[in-house]
Amino acid sequence: MKRFVSRVASYPIRAGRHSRFLRAAFFASLALTSVTGACAAQRAAAPLVMASLADDAAVSLAFRTLLDDVIGDSADKICLSIANAQTDDADPNPGVMRAARAGRRATTVLPRSACAADERNFGNPRGLLRLKDVSRLDQQTLIAHADAIGDHTAHYVCFLPVASSGTPGRCRITGRD
């Protein structure tokens, strides 16, 4: 059987008809390799993280929209964190925490560090909003990517109007783990 396969595979070479066939096969494999490598390079790129954004107003707007649109009154305690590529998640600034707590009566909003201490003592609090990035989509809109982590993880994308036009931001789920 091996001998038959090697004869069939080497037939174009032995017959002297290898130039067109081999060139076509070589260029097809080269194209496939380069396309596959380009796709892999896109997947390996690091996501934008909050460390590059120094605008507390945008982060506050993103957390407020996530709390209102995703969480609502369904949780009694929620923890907030900002994704960081270098270390573990970081706590939001105190100004961002004050803005996130404003108007929240039914839900207690805590930074990730406070929840981590509770988690060590009492188990998983089952409510973490992890903001991965916020960037400008256009002049009037920001886009934010976040995860809601509990028993499972849900990935969200939020569109946030910058101007106070009265229209609230909206979030939609993009995936679940």
C-alpha atoms as a PDB file:
ATOM      1  CA  MET A   1       0.000   0.000   0.000  1.00  0.00           C
ATOM      2  CA  LYS A   2       2.818   2.457   0.890  1.00  0.00           C
ATOM      3  CA  ARG A   3       4.495   1.708  -2.375  1.00  0.00           C
ATOM      4  CA  PHE A   4       1.301   2.389  -4.305  1.00  0.00           C
ATOM      5  CA  VAL A   5       0.779   5.764  -2.568  1.00  0.00           C
ATOM      6  CA  SER A   6       4.357   6.830  -3.170  1.00  0.00           C
ATOM      7  CA  ARG A   7       4.064   5.848  -6.859  1.00  0.00           C
ATOM      8  CA  VAL A   8       0.822   7.784  -7.271  1.00  0.00           C
ATOM      9  CA  ALA A   9       2.213  10.821  -5.454  1.00  0.00           C
ATOM     10  CA  SER A  10       5.434  10.805  -7.424  1.00  0.00           C
ATOM     11  CA  TYR A  11       3.906  10.054 -10.822  1.00  0.00           C
ATOM     12  CA  PRO A  12       3.866  13.684 -12.082  1.00  0.00           C
ATOM     13  CA  ILE A  13       7.534  14.020 -11.176  1.00  0.00           C
ATOM     14  CA  ARG A  14       8.566  10.743 -12.810  1.00  0.00           C
ATOM     15  CA  ALA A  15       6.506  11.470 -15.905  1.00  0.00           C
ATOM     16  CA  GLY A  16       8.151  14.851 -16.457  1.00  0.00           C
ATOM     17  CA  ARG A  17       4.863  16.707 -16.097  1.00  0.00           C
ATOM     18  CA  HIS A  18       5.712  18.222 -12.776  1.00  0.00           C
ATOM     19  CA  SER A  19       6.298  21.848 -13.577  1.00  0.00           C
ATOM     20  CA  ARG A  20       2.689  23.099 -13.762  1.00  0.00           C
ATOM     21  CA  PHE A  21       1.312  20.690 -11.207  1.00  0.00           C
ATOM     22  CA  LEU A  22       4.062  21.328  -8.665  1.00  0.00           C
ATOM     23  CA  ARG A  23       3.917  25.076  -9.107  1.00  0.00           C
ATOM     24  CA  ALA A  24       0.153  25.097  -8.612  1.00  0.00           C
ATOM     25  CA  ALA A  25       0.408  22.872  -5.539  1.00  0.00           C
ATOM     26  CA  PHE A  26       3.236  24.955  -4.094  1.00  0.00           C
ATOM     27  CA  PHE A  27       1.417  28.275  -4.553  1.00  0.00           C
ATOM     28  CA  ALA A  28      -1.844  26.859  -3.214  1.00  0.00           C
ATOM     29  CA  SER A  29      -0.118  25.640  -0.044  1.00  0.00           C
ATOM     30  CA  LEU A  30       1.730  28.957   0.264  1.00  0.00           C
ATOM     31  CA  ALA A  31      -1.539  30.900  -0.014  1.00  0.00           C
ATOM     32  CA  LEU A  32      -3.256  28.664   2.517  1.00  0.00           C
ATOM     33  CA  THR A  33      -0.382  29.054   4.974  1.00  0.00           C
ATOM     34  CA  SER A  34      -0.309  32.841   4.688  1.00  0.00           C
ATOM     35  CA  VAL A  35      -4.090  33.192   5.084  1.00  0.00           C
ATOM     36  CA  THR A  36      -4.066  30.917   8.116  1.00  0.00           C
ATOM     37  CA  GLY A  37      -1.180  32.870   9.634  1.00  0.00           C
ATOM     38  CA  ALA A  38      -2.955  36.184   9.052  1.00  0.00           C
ATOM     39  CA  CYS A  39      -6.085  34.912  10.793  1.00  0.00           C
ATOM     40  CA  ALA A  40      -4.065  33.627  13.731  1.00  0.00           C
ATOM     41  CA  ALA A  41      -2.279  36.974  14.020  1.00  0.00           C
ATOM     42  CA  GLN A  42      -5.625  38.769  14.312  1.00  0.00           C
ATOM     43  CA  ARG A  43      -6.788  36.475  17.102  1.00  0.00           C
ATOM     44  CA  ALA A  44      -3.548  36.846  19.050  1.00  0.00           C
ATOM     45  CA  ALA A  45      -3.728  40.636  19.244  1.00  0.00           C
ATOM     46  CA  ALA A  46      -4.141  41.985  22.762  1.00  0.00           C
ATOM     47  CA  PRO A  47      -7.480  43.675  23.428  1.00  0.00           C
ATOM     48  CA  LEU A  48      -7.681  47.353  24.261  1.00  0.00           C
ATOM     49  CA  VAL A  49      -7.651  47.723  28.014  1.00  0.00           C
ATOM     50  CA  MET A  50      -8.685  50.449  30.367  1.00  0.00           C
ATOM     51  CA  ALA A  51      -5.106  51.427  31.184  1.00  0.00           C
ATOM     52  CA  SER A  52      -5.032  53.396  27.941  1.00  0.00           C
ATOM     53  CA  LEU A  53      -8.137  55.422  28.854  1.00  0.00           C
ATOM     54  CA  ALA A  54      -7.778  58.158  31.450  1.00  0.00           C
ATOM     55  CA  ASP A  55     -11.325  59.537  31.245  1.00  0.00           C
ATOM     56  CA  ASP A  56     -13.261  58.845  34.455  1.00  0.00           C
ATOM     57  CA  ALA A  57     -16.443  60.287  32.924  1.00  0.00           C
ATOM     58  CA  ALA A  58     -16.442  57.618  30.192  1.00  0.00           C
ATOM     59  CA  VAL A  59     -15.777  54.839  32.713  1.00  0.00           C
ATOM     60  CA  SER A  60     -18.550  56.172  34.979  1.00  0.00           C
ATOM     61  CA  LEU A  61     -20.960  56.320  32.048  1.00  0.00           C
ATOM     62  CA  ALA A  62     -20.094  52.753  31.076  1.00  0.00           C
ATOM     63  CA  PHE A  63     -20.617  51.401  34.603  1.00  0.00           C
ATOM     64  CA  ARG A  64     -23.911  53.328  35.025  1.00  0.00           C
ATOM     65  CA  THR A  65     -25.222  51.924  31.754  1.00  0.00           C
ATOM     66  CA  LEU A  66     -24.156  48.387  32.677  1.00  0.00           C
ATOM     67  CA  LEU A  67     -25.762  48.675  36.108  1.00  0.00           C
ATOM     68  CA  ASP A  68     -29.012  50.089  34.719  1.00  0.00           C
ATOM     69  CA  ASP A  69     -29.331  48.036  31.541  1.00  0.00           C
ATOM     70  CA  VAL A  70     -27.751  44.697  32.489  1.00  0.00           C
ATOM     71  CA  ILE A  71     -28.135  44.375  36.266  1.00  0.00           C
ATOM     72  CA  GLY A  72     -31.175  46.510  37.067  1.00  0.00           C
ATOM     73  CA  ASP A  73     -32.608  45.486  40.448  1.00  0.00           C
ATOM     74  CA  SER A  74     -31.782  41.808  40.014  1.00  0.00           C
ATOM     75  CA  ALA A  75     -28.761  41.779  42.357  1.00  0.00           C
ATOM     76  CA  ASP A  76     -28.418  42.882  45.961  1.00  0.00           C
ATOM     77  CA  LYS A  77     -24.630  43.230  45.713  1.00  0.00           C
ATOM     78  CA  ILE A  78     -22.462  43.863  42.648  1.00  0.00           C
ATOM     79  CA  CYS A  79     -18.705  44.298  42.385  1.00  0.00           C
ATOM     80  CA  LEU A  80     -17.008  46.494  39.800  1.00  0.00           C
ATOM     81  CA  SER A  81     -13.570  45.985  38.276  1.00  0.00           C
ATOM     82  CA  ILE A  82     -11.521  47.267  35.381  1.00  0.00           C
ATOM     83  CA  ALA A  83      -9.616  44.750  33.272  1.00  0.00           C
ATOM     84  CA  ASN A  84      -5.876  45.204  33.362  1.00  0.00           C
ATOM     85  CA  ALA A  85      -3.435  43.363  31.097  1.00  0.00           C
ATOM     86  CA  GLN A  86      -0.438  43.581  33.436  1.00  0.00           C
ATOM     87  CA  THR A  87      -1.985  42.496  36.768  1.00  0.00           C
ATOM     88  CA  ASP A  88      -5.272  41.323  38.200  1.00  0.00           C
ATOM     89  CA  ASP A  89      -8.326  43.485  37.765  1.00  0.00           C
ATOM     90  CA  ALA A  90      -8.080  46.973  39.226  1.00  0.00           C
ATOM     91  CA  ASP A  91     -10.631  48.828  41.320  1.00  0.00           C
ATOM     92  CA  PRO A  92     -12.339  51.834  39.734  1.00  0.00           C
ATOM     93  CA  ASN A  93     -11.333  55.277  40.998  1.00  0.00           C
ATOM     94  CA  PRO A  94     -13.306  56.660  43.992  1.00  0.00           C
ATOM     95  CA  GLY A  95     -15.053  59.195  41.734  1.00  0.00           C
ATOM     96  CA  VAL A  96     -16.231  56.403  39.437  1.00  0.00           C
ATOM     97  CA  MET A  97     -17.481  54.426  42.449  1.00  0.00           C
ATOM     98  CA  ARG A  98     -19.455  57.466  43.732  1.00  0.00           C
ATOM     99  CA  ALA A  99     -21.042  57.911  40.296  1.00  0.00           C
ATOM    100  CA  ALA A 100     -21.910  54.210  40.089  1.00  0.00           C
ATOM    101  CA  ARG A 101     -23.527  54.253  43.551  1.00  0.00           C
ATOM    102  CA  ALA A 102     -25.613  57.356  42.826  1.00  0.00           C
ATOM    103  CA  GLY A 103     -29.307  56.495  42.770  1.00  0.00           C
ATOM    104  CA  ARG A 104     -28.782  52.792  43.583  1.00  0.00           C
ATOM    105  CA  ARG A 105     -30.990  51.888  46.540  1.00  0.00           C
ATOM    106  CA  ALA A 106     -31.615  48.184  45.978  1.00  0.00           C
ATOM    107  CA  THR A 107     -28.089  47.243  44.897  1.00  0.00           C
ATOM    108  CA  THR A 108     -24.897  47.639  46.929  1.00  0.00           C
ATOM    109  CA  VAL A 109     -22.000  48.599  44.630  1.00  0.00           C
ATOM    110  CA  LEU A 110     -18.516  47.607  45.816  1.00  0.00           C
ATOM    111  CA  PRO A 111     -15.013  47.655  44.310  1.00  0.00           C
ATOM    112  CA  ARG A 112     -13.436  44.316  43.358  1.00  0.00           C
ATOM    113  CA  SER A 113     -10.968  44.398  46.270  1.00  0.00           C
ATOM    114  CA  ALA A 114     -13.801  44.503  48.827  1.00  0.00           C
ATOM    115  CA  CYS A 115     -15.533  41.609  47.079  1.00  0.00           C
ATOM    116  CA  ALA A 116     -12.319  39.591  47.006  1.00  0.00           C
ATOM    117  CA  ALA A 117     -12.116  39.852  50.802  1.00  0.00           C
ATOM    118  CA  ASP A 118     -15.773  38.761  51.091  1.00  0.00           C
ATOM    119  CA  GLU A 119     -15.125  35.930  48.668  1.00  0.00           C
ATOM    120  CA  ARG A 120     -12.286  34.583  50.804  1.00  0.00           C
ATOM    121  CA  ASN A 121     -14.488  34.714  53.920  1.00  0.00           C
ATOM    122  CA  PHE A 122     -17.989  33.921  52.676  1.00  0.00           C
ATOM    123  CA  GLY A 123     -17.697  32.423  49.180  1.00  0.00           C
ATOM    124  CA  ASN A 124     -18.381  33.840  45.728  1.00  0.00           C
ATOM    125  CA  PRO A 125     -20.599  36.963  45.842  1.00  0.00           C
ATOM    126  CA  ARG A 126     -21.858  35.967  42.353  1.00  0.00           C
ATOM    127  CA  GLY A 127     -21.916  39.423  40.866  1.00  0.00           C
ATOM    128  CA  LEU A 128     -18.974  41.079  39.131  1.00  0.00           C
ATOM    129  CA  LEU A 129     -19.076  43.636  36.331  1.00  0.00           C
ATOM    130  CA  ARG A 130     -15.685  43.643  34.613  1.00  0.00           C
ATOM    131  CA  LEU A 131     -15.173  46.568  32.235  1.00  0.00           C
ATOM    132  CA  LYS A 132     -12.703  45.540  29.526  1.00  0.00           C
ATOM    133  CA  ASP A 133     -12.484  48.680  27.391  1.00  0.00           C
ATOM    134  CA  VAL A 134     -14.151  51.938  26.464  1.00  0.00           C
ATOM    135  CA  SER A 135     -13.398  53.706  23.206  1.00  0.00           C
ATOM    136  CA  ARG A 136     -14.922  56.330  20.971  1.00  0.00           C
ATOM    137  CA  LEU A 137     -17.142  54.945  18.210  1.00  0.00           C
ATOM    138  CA  ASP A 138     -17.897  58.358  16.707  1.00  0.00           C
ATOM    139  CA  GLN A 139     -18.291  61.953  17.943  1.00  0.00           C
ATOM    140  CA  GLN A 140     -21.515  61.255  19.843  1.00  0.00           C
ATOM    141  CA  THR A 141     -21.057  57.624  20.920  1.00  0.00           C
ATOM    142  CA  LEU A 142     -18.718  55.543  23.068  1.00  0.00           C
ATOM    143  CA  ILE A 143     -18.519  51.770  22.845  1.00  0.00           C
ATOM    144  CA  ALA A 144     -17.740  49.627  25.887  1.00  0.00           C
ATOM    145  CA  HIS A 145     -17.009  45.924  26.234  1.00  0.00           C
ATOM    146  CA  ALA A 146     -17.691  44.240  29.548  1.00  0.00           C
ATOM    147  CA  ASP A 147     -18.292  40.890  31.223  1.00  0.00           C
ATOM    148  CA  ALA A 148     -20.955  40.104  33.785  1.00  0.00           C
ATOM    149  CA  ILE A 149     -19.513  37.283  35.867  1.00  0.00           C
ATOM    150  CA  GLY A 150     -21.605  35.118  38.165  1.00  0.00           C
ATOM    151  CA  ASP A 151     -22.381  31.431  37.911  1.00  0.00           C
ATOM    152  CA  HIS A 152     -21.574  31.910  34.218  1.00  0.00           C
ATOM    153  CA  THR A 153     -19.948  34.710  32.251  1.00  0.00           C
ATOM    154  CA  ALA A 154     -21.885  36.879  29.817  1.00  0.00           C
ATOM    155  CA  HIS A 155     -20.065  39.194  27.392  1.00  0.00           C
ATOM    156  CA  TYR A 156     -21.666  42.551  26.575  1.00  0.00           C
ATOM    157  CA  VAL A 157     -21.124  45.409  24.185  1.00  0.00           C
ATOM    158  CA  CYS A 158     -22.653  48.771  25.157  1.00  0.00           C
ATOM    159  CA  PHE A 159     -23.291  51.855  23.054  1.00  0.00           C
ATOM    160  CA  LEU A 160     -23.148  54.987  25.185  1.00  0.00           C
ATOM    161  CA  PRO A 161     -24.326  58.414  23.982  1.00  0.00           C
ATOM    162  CA  VAL A 162     -21.813  61.067  25.043  1.00  0.00           C
ATOM    163  CA  ALA A 163     -24.106  64.065  24.717  1.00  0.00           C
ATOM    164  CA  SER A 164     -26.926  64.403  27.235  1.00  0.00           C
ATOM    165  CA  SER A 165     -29.605  63.821  24.614  1.00  0.00           C
ATOM    166  CA  GLY A 166     -31.855  61.996  27.049  1.00  0.00           C
ATOM    167  CA  THR A 167     -31.405  58.674  25.283  1.00  0.00           C
ATOM    168  CA  PRO A 168     -29.985  56.062  27.634  1.00  0.00           C
ATOM    169  CA  GLY A 169     -27.120  53.801  26.673  1.00  0.00           C
ATOM    170  CA  ARG A 170     -27.976  50.307  25.534  1.00  0.00           C
ATOM    171  CA  CYS A 171     -26.164  47.021  26.002  1.00  0.00           C
ATOM    172  CA  ARG A 172     -26.533  43.748  24.175  1.00  0.00           C
ATOM    173  CA  ILE A 173     -25.155  40.353  24.968  1.00  0.00           C
ATOM    174  CA  THR A 174     -22.541  39.033  22.542  1.00  0.00           C
ATOM    175  CA  GLY A 175     -21.713  35.667  24.075  1.00  0.00           C
ATOM    176  CA  ARG A 176     -21.814  33.378  27.081  1.00  0.00           C
ATOM    177  CA  ASP A 177     -19.393  31.000  28.760  1.00  0.00           C
END
